[in-house]
């Protein structure tokens, strides 16, 4: 039996959102003040599943269903309200909103990103040209990141994150941006990583990519896991619901 790469048990993620409103005269007897209200948002509600080593698991669901919050929890970027998440190795979260310094050039971000992922300067230098080539941004690599489109930033983030072949890769909507040639390269690289026994969770609204790359998929709605089955079956069921 393959080893478990990710174990999620009854995971719950709750956001505390603070808002302000002006207190009425009646409420404060004429005082001018602002009251703070704390609203609890249950982003992930008791989700449980396992991902085996070597699997690429798709994750689908409507906007606001909790997919990104779940990935951030698996990556260790958001604490759980309750439940547990165990991972085998170091997870790397890759998304369109991945943190890059917009004031610095693409080249400088490659160096900083690789070093942040634990690579040495020698390893980064050896892989630098390959990362630039894969991103397809040779023409813009010395420009400040603030001049990049969201698709260009995503391509560079993907190239950096997958250069080190992390044990667990969490991909959030990266295959939805960029041109078709880049998406094909990204799909091929994810397939390679699966062959190298890296565990991958792939979030995408592109159901064809989910069915093509994944053998299994999870469907979330309103923070809950509503289906865990073969990718083709989940895509068919979720797609039918989205069209109705």
Protein backbone atom coordinates (compact mmCIF):
# COMPACT_ATOMS: atom_id res chain seq x y z
CA UNK A 1 0.00 0.00 0.00
CA UNK A 2 1.33 3.50 -0.85
CA UNK A 3 2.33 5.67 2.09
CA UNK A 4 0.08 8.51 3.16
CA UNK A 5 1.44 11.92 2.14
CA UNK A 6 -1.38 14.06 3.56
CA UNK A 7 -3.77 13.11 6.33
CA UNK A 8 -6.65 15.49 7.08
CA UNK A 9 -8.98 14.69 9.97
CA UNK A 10 -12.06 16.77 10.83
CA UNK A 11 -10.21 19.95 9.84
CA UNK A 12 -11.95 23.23 10.65
CA UNK A 13 -10.75 26.68 9.61
CA UNK A 14 -12.47 29.74 11.03
CA UNK A 15 -11.76 33.36 10.16
CA UNK A 16 -12.56 36.15 12.58
CA UNK A 17 -13.56 39.21 10.56
CA UNK A 18 -13.66 42.51 12.42
CA UNK A 19 -15.86 45.31 11.16
CA UNK A 20 -16.73 48.74 12.51
CA UNK A 21 -19.97 50.69 12.56
CA UNK A 22 -20.92 54.03 14.02
CA UNK A 23 -22.87 53.61 17.22
CA UNK A 24 -26.25 55.32 17.25
CA UNK A 25 -27.20 58.07 19.68
CA UNK A 26 -29.64 55.76 21.34
CA UNK A 27 -26.97 53.09 21.83
CA UNK A 28 -24.35 55.37 23.35
CA UNK A 29 -26.47 58.15 24.82
CA UNK A 30 -25.14 60.72 22.44
CA UNK A 31 -21.48 59.64 22.41
CA UNK A 32 -19.70 59.56 19.08
CA UNK A 33 -17.94 56.24 18.88
CA UNK A 34 -17.36 53.21 16.79
CA UNK A 35 -18.10 49.68 17.88
CA UNK A 36 -16.21 46.67 16.64
CA UNK A 37 -18.15 43.62 15.60
CA UNK A 38 -16.47 40.24 15.19
CA UNK A 39 -18.01 37.86 12.68
CA UNK A 40 -16.95 34.23 12.55
CA UNK A 41 -16.61 32.80 9.04
CA UNK A 42 -16.40 29.00 8.92
CA UNK A 43 -14.30 28.48 5.80
CA UNK A 44 -13.62 24.74 6.29
CA UNK A 45 -16.08 22.61 8.24
CA UNK A 46 -14.97 19.18 9.41
CA UNK A 47 -13.15 17.96 6.30
CA UNK A 48 -11.37 14.58 6.31
CA UNK A 49 -9.42 12.76 3.58
CA UNK A 50 -6.04 11.17 2.77
CA UNK A 51 -3.70 11.68 -0.17
CA UNK A 52 -1.25 8.88 -0.96
CA UNK A 53 2.32 9.36 -2.14
CA UNK A 54 2.32 9.65 -5.93
CA UNK A 55 -1.24 10.93 -6.23
CA UNK A 56 -2.41 14.09 -7.97
CA UNK A 57 -5.78 14.89 -6.43
CA UNK A 58 -8.07 17.49 -7.92
CA UNK A 59 -10.09 19.87 -5.75
CA UNK A 60 -13.20 21.49 -7.22
CA UNK A 61 -16.01 23.65 -5.91
CA UNK A 62 -17.67 27.00 -6.41
CA UNK A 63 -16.03 30.27 -5.40
CA UNK A 64 -15.99 30.62 -1.62
CA UNK A 65 -16.35 26.88 -1.02
CA UNK A 66 -13.20 26.75 1.13
CA UNK A 67 -10.71 25.29 -1.34
CA UNK A 68 -8.00 27.94 -0.92
CA UNK A 69 -8.47 28.04 2.86
CA UNK A 70 -7.95 24.28 3.00
CA UNK A 71 -4.75 24.51 0.93
CA UNK A 72 -3.40 27.27 3.20
CA UNK A 73 -4.10 25.09 6.24
CA UNK A 74 -2.30 22.11 4.68
CA UNK A 75 0.64 24.39 3.87
CA UNK A 76 0.77 25.52 7.50
CA UNK A 77 -0.17 29.10 6.63
CA UNK A 78 -3.41 29.10 8.60
CA UNK A 79 -4.03 27.54 12.00
CA UNK A 80 -6.86 25.06 12.44
CA UNK A 81 -9.74 25.84 14.74
CA UNK A 82 -9.90 22.10 15.46
CA UNK A 83 -9.01 18.79 13.88
CA UNK A 84 -5.60 17.80 12.55
CA UNK A 85 -3.48 17.83 9.40
CA UNK A 86 -0.36 15.71 9.02
CA UNK A 87 1.97 15.90 6.03
CA UNK A 88 4.90 13.79 4.92
CA UNK A 89 7.66 16.23 3.97
CA UNK A 90 7.49 19.94 3.25
CA UNK A 91 4.45 21.33 1.44
CA UNK A 92 4.76 24.21 -1.04
CA UNK A 93 1.74 26.35 -1.90
CA UNK A 94 1.64 27.77 -5.39
CA UNK A 95 -1.11 30.16 -6.39
CA UNK A 96 -1.86 33.18 -8.52
CA UNK A 97 -1.61 35.22 -5.34
CA UNK A 98 1.75 33.77 -4.35
CA UNK A 99 3.90 36.28 -2.51
CA UNK A 100 6.43 37.94 -4.80
CA UNK A 101 8.12 41.29 -4.24
CA UNK A 102 6.69 43.58 -6.90
CA UNK A 103 9.42 46.16 -6.34
CA UNK A 104 12.13 43.71 -7.36
CA UNK A 105 12.90 42.21 -10.75
CA UNK A 106 11.80 38.78 -11.83
CA UNK A 107 15.43 37.66 -11.64
CA UNK A 108 15.79 38.87 -8.07
CA UNK A 109 12.55 37.12 -7.14
CA UNK A 110 13.94 33.85 -8.48
CA UNK A 111 16.92 34.15 -6.15
CA UNK A 112 14.80 35.08 -3.14
CA UNK A 113 12.15 32.46 -3.89
CA UNK A 114 14.64 29.62 -4.28
CA UNK A 115 16.55 30.57 -1.14
CA UNK A 116 13.25 30.73 0.77
CA UNK A 117 12.52 27.18 -0.40
CA UNK A 118 15.77 26.00 1.18
CA UNK A 119 18.05 25.93 -1.85
CA UNK A 120 21.67 27.05 -1.60
CA UNK A 121 23.07 29.89 -3.71
CA UNK A 122 24.95 27.31 -5.76
CA UNK A 123 21.79 25.28 -6.41
CA UNK A 124 19.86 28.43 -7.31
CA UNK A 125 22.58 29.55 -9.71
CA UNK A 126 22.63 26.15 -11.40
CA UNK A 127 18.85 26.18 -11.91
CA UNK A 128 18.42 29.89 -12.69
CA UNK A 129 18.46 29.60 -16.49
CA UNK A 130 16.13 26.59 -16.44
CA UNK A 131 13.62 28.51 -14.31
CA UNK A 132 13.72 31.50 -16.64
CA UNK A 133 13.38 29.29 -19.70
CA UNK A 134 10.44 27.37 -18.28
CA UNK A 135 8.61 30.57 -17.31
CA UNK A 136 9.00 31.93 -20.83
CA UNK A 137 9.90 35.35 -19.41
CA UNK A 138 13.43 35.81 -20.70
CA UNK A 139 12.41 39.11 -22.29
CA UNK A 140 11.07 40.49 -19.01
CA UNK A 141 13.18 38.81 -16.35
CA UNK A 142 15.07 42.01 -15.44
CA UNK A 143 11.95 44.17 -15.25
CA UNK A 144 10.27 44.99 -11.91
CA UNK A 145 7.52 42.54 -10.97
CA UNK A 146 5.03 45.41 -10.79
CA UNK A 147 5.16 45.56 -14.59
CA UNK A 148 4.11 41.89 -14.87
CA UNK A 149 0.57 40.76 -15.54
CA UNK A 150 -1.04 38.29 -13.13
CA UNK A 151 -0.39 35.54 -15.67
CA UNK A 152 3.31 36.40 -15.89
CA UNK A 153 3.64 36.42 -12.10
CA UNK A 154 1.90 33.07 -11.91
CA UNK A 155 4.19 31.54 -14.53
CA UNK A 156 7.27 32.69 -12.64
CA UNK A 157 5.87 31.44 -9.32
CA UNK A 158 5.14 28.04 -10.83
CA UNK A 159 8.63 27.79 -12.33
CA UNK A 160 10.25 28.65 -8.99
CA UNK A 161 8.07 26.37 -6.86
CA UNK A 162 8.45 23.32 -9.09
CA UNK A 163 12.19 23.72 -9.65
CA UNK A 164 12.89 22.13 -6.27
CA UNK A 165 10.38 19.27 -6.62
CA UNK A 166 8.75 19.64 -3.19
CA UNK A 167 7.38 16.53 -1.49
CA UNK A 168 3.89 18.02 -1.49
CA UNK A 169 2.78 20.61 -4.03
CA UNK A 170 -0.45 22.55 -3.52
CA UNK A 171 -1.52 24.27 -6.73
CA UNK A 172 -4.23 26.95 -6.56
CA UNK A 173 -5.63 27.99 -9.97
CA UNK A 174 -2.25 28.31 -11.67
CA UNK A 175 -3.36 26.33 -14.73
CA UNK A 176 -6.17 28.80 -15.32
CA UNK A 177 -3.81 31.62 -16.32
CA UNK A 178 -1.15 32.08 -18.95
CA UNK A 179 -1.22 31.09 -22.59
CA UNK A 180 -2.01 27.61 -23.82
CA UNK A 181 1.67 26.75 -24.39
CA UNK A 182 2.51 27.48 -20.76
CA UNK A 183 -0.47 25.50 -19.52
CA UNK A 184 0.73 22.52 -21.52
CA UNK A 185 4.23 22.84 -20.04
CA UNK A 186 2.78 23.15 -16.54
CA UNK A 187 0.60 20.08 -17.05
CA UNK A 188 3.59 18.09 -18.28
CA UNK A 189 5.67 19.14 -15.27
CA UNK A 190 2.94 18.12 -12.84
CA UNK A 191 2.76 14.75 -14.59
CA UNK A 192 6.54 14.39 -14.13
CA UNK A 193 6.22 15.20 -10.45
CA UNK A 194 3.59 12.52 -10.03
CA UNK A 195 6.04 10.08 -11.59
CA UNK A 196 8.64 11.16 -9.06
CA UNK A 197 6.28 10.29 -6.18
CA UNK A 198 5.41 13.88 -5.27
CA UNK A 199 1.91 14.32 -3.88
CA UNK A 200 -0.09 17.10 -5.50
CA UNK A 201 -3.43 18.75 -4.75
CA UNK A 202 -4.63 20.74 -7.73
CA UNK A 203 -7.36 23.40 -7.44
CA UNK A 204 -8.79 24.44 -10.78
CA UNK A 205 -12.03 25.54 -12.39
CA UNK A 206 -10.76 23.90 -15.58
CA UNK A 207 -12.52 20.56 -15.28
CA UNK A 208 -10.76 19.15 -18.34
CA UNK A 209 -7.40 19.66 -16.61
CA UNK A 210 -8.71 17.97 -13.45
CA UNK A 211 -9.93 14.96 -15.42
CA UNK A 212 -6.74 14.81 -17.49
CA UNK A 213 -4.18 15.15 -14.69
CA UNK A 214 -5.91 13.57 -11.71
CA UNK A 215 -7.14 10.07 -11.03
CA UNK A 216 -9.11 11.24 -8.01
CA UNK A 217 -10.92 14.44 -7.05
CA UNK A 218 -12.56 16.11 -4.07
CA UNK A 219 -15.60 18.37 -4.30
CA UNK A 220 -16.15 21.04 -1.64
CA UNK A 221 -19.15 23.31 -1.07
CA UNK A 222 -19.75 25.74 1.81
CA UNK A 223 -16.65 24.47 3.56
CA UNK A 224 -17.70 20.83 3.51
CA UNK A 225 -16.45 17.86 1.52
CA UNK A 226 -19.43 16.57 -0.45
CA UNK A 227 -17.72 14.05 -2.74
CA UNK A 228 -14.46 12.06 -2.87
CA UNK A 229 -14.27 9.76 -5.89
CA UNK A 230 -12.60 9.08 -9.22
CA UNK A 231 -11.80 12.33 -11.01
CA UNK A 232 -14.01 11.55 -14.00
CA UNK A 233 -17.02 10.88 -11.77
CA UNK A 234 -16.51 14.01 -9.66
CA UNK A 235 -16.06 16.16 -12.77
CA UNK A 236 -19.21 14.71 -14.33
CA UNK A 237 -21.29 15.18 -11.16
CA UNK A 238 -19.96 18.64 -10.32
CA UNK A 239 -20.22 19.80 -13.92
CA UNK A 240 -23.82 18.64 -14.15
CA UNK A 241 -24.67 20.56 -10.99
CA UNK A 242 -22.96 23.72 -12.21
CA UNK A 243 -24.93 23.66 -15.45
CA UNK A 244 -28.31 23.17 -13.77
